[in-house]
């Protein structure tokens, strides 16, 4: 598991709506790729229609990951600031 593996991600209705039009094999490939990428940052090795579906979802996942990293950095900075203030006072 990568160092920065996530514990969860948002699964939007649009992902479901698009995927339900796929046959079972394609839908499973898409879902597996989506989950592996969202949780483990693993680039998918899929092709065809599942790859096309994933291409629409990837930018959303990337933005979400970037926001999560920014929030974690802010929380860490706030904790450091509080710790510094408590040592001064």
Protein backbone atom coordinates (compact mmCIF):
# COMPACT_ATOMS: atom_id res chain seq x y z
CA UNK A 1 0.00 0.00 0.00
CA UNK A 2 1.43 3.43 -0.89
CA UNK A 3 2.46 5.79 1.92
CA UNK A 4 -0.30 8.23 1.03
CA UNK A 5 -3.09 5.69 0.59
CA UNK A 6 -6.47 7.17 1.32
CA UNK A 7 -9.10 5.70 3.59
CA UNK A 8 -12.02 6.71 1.39
CA UNK A 9 -13.31 8.81 -1.50
CA UNK A 10 -16.54 10.32 -2.76
CA UNK A 11 -18.45 8.14 -5.20
CA UNK A 12 -20.84 10.34 -7.14
CA UNK A 13 -24.15 9.34 -8.68
CA UNK A 14 -22.79 10.30 -12.10
CA UNK A 15 -20.20 7.49 -11.81
CA UNK A 16 -23.00 5.02 -11.16
CA UNK A 17 -25.26 6.41 -13.87
CA UNK A 18 -22.52 6.13 -16.49
CA UNK A 19 -21.33 2.70 -15.36
CA UNK A 20 -24.75 1.06 -15.24
CA UNK A 21 -24.87 1.25 -19.05
CA UNK A 22 -21.81 -1.02 -19.29
CA UNK A 23 -21.93 -4.79 -19.38
CA UNK A 24 -20.82 -6.59 -16.21
CA UNK A 25 -17.21 -7.15 -17.32
CA UNK A 26 -16.72 -3.54 -18.41
CA UNK A 27 -18.42 -2.18 -15.30
CA UNK A 28 -16.21 -4.27 -13.04
CA UNK A 29 -13.09 -3.11 -14.90
CA UNK A 30 -14.19 0.51 -14.54
CA UNK A 31 -15.05 0.18 -10.84
CA UNK A 32 -11.80 -1.66 -10.06
CA UNK A 33 -9.78 1.02 -11.89
CA UNK A 34 -11.67 3.81 -10.15
CA UNK A 35 -11.21 2.32 -6.68
CA UNK A 36 -7.53 1.41 -7.18
CA UNK A 37 -6.77 4.91 -8.43
CA UNK A 38 -8.80 6.72 -5.77
CA UNK A 39 -7.48 4.73 -2.81
CA UNK A 40 -4.01 3.59 -3.87
CA UNK A 41 -3.03 6.03 -6.63
CA UNK A 42 -2.56 3.11 -9.02
CA UNK A 43 -2.80 4.10 -12.68
CA UNK A 44 -5.25 1.78 -14.45
CA UNK A 45 -4.24 -0.60 -17.21
CA UNK A 46 -7.65 -0.80 -18.84
CA UNK A 47 -8.75 -0.16 -22.39
CA UNK A 48 -11.87 0.42 -24.43
CA UNK A 49 -15.05 1.77 -22.91
CA UNK A 50 -13.94 1.39 -19.26
CA UNK A 51 -10.87 3.51 -20.08
CA UNK A 52 -13.10 6.16 -21.63
CA UNK A 53 -15.32 6.23 -18.54
CA UNK A 54 -12.29 6.49 -16.29
CA UNK A 55 -10.94 9.43 -18.33
CA UNK A 56 -14.05 11.43 -17.37
CA UNK A 57 -13.73 10.58 -13.68
CA UNK A 58 -9.97 10.99 -13.23
CA UNK A 59 -9.91 14.83 -13.13
CA UNK A 60 -12.53 14.81 -10.36
CA UNK A 61 -10.50 12.30 -8.35
CA UNK A 62 -7.32 14.32 -8.88
CA UNK A 63 -8.96 17.53 -7.65
CA UNK A 64 -10.32 15.73 -4.62
CA UNK A 65 -6.88 14.31 -3.78
CA UNK A 66 -5.30 17.76 -4.13
CA UNK A 67 -7.91 19.28 -1.79
CA UNK A 68 -7.34 16.52 0.77
CA UNK A 69 -3.58 17.11 0.71
CA UNK A 70 -4.07 20.86 1.16
CA UNK A 71 -6.41 20.30 4.09
CA UNK A 72 -3.93 17.92 5.73
CA UNK A 73 -1.13 20.47 5.32
CA UNK A 74 -3.29 23.22 6.84
CA UNK A 75 -4.18 21.03 9.82
CA UNK A 76 -0.52 20.17 10.34
CA UNK A 77 0.46 23.84 10.15
CA UNK A 78 -2.27 24.80 12.63
CA UNK A 79 -1.12 22.09 15.04
CA UNK A 80 2.47 23.30 14.76
CA UNK A 81 1.40 26.88 15.41
CA UNK A 82 -0.63 25.88 18.47
CA UNK A 83 2.26 23.86 19.79
CA UNK A 84 4.65 26.79 19.28
CA UNK A 85 2.26 29.18 21.06
CA UNK A 86 1.83 26.84 24.03
CA UNK A 87 5.61 26.66 24.51
CA UNK A 88 5.90 30.48 24.50
CA UNK A 89 3.17 31.11 27.03
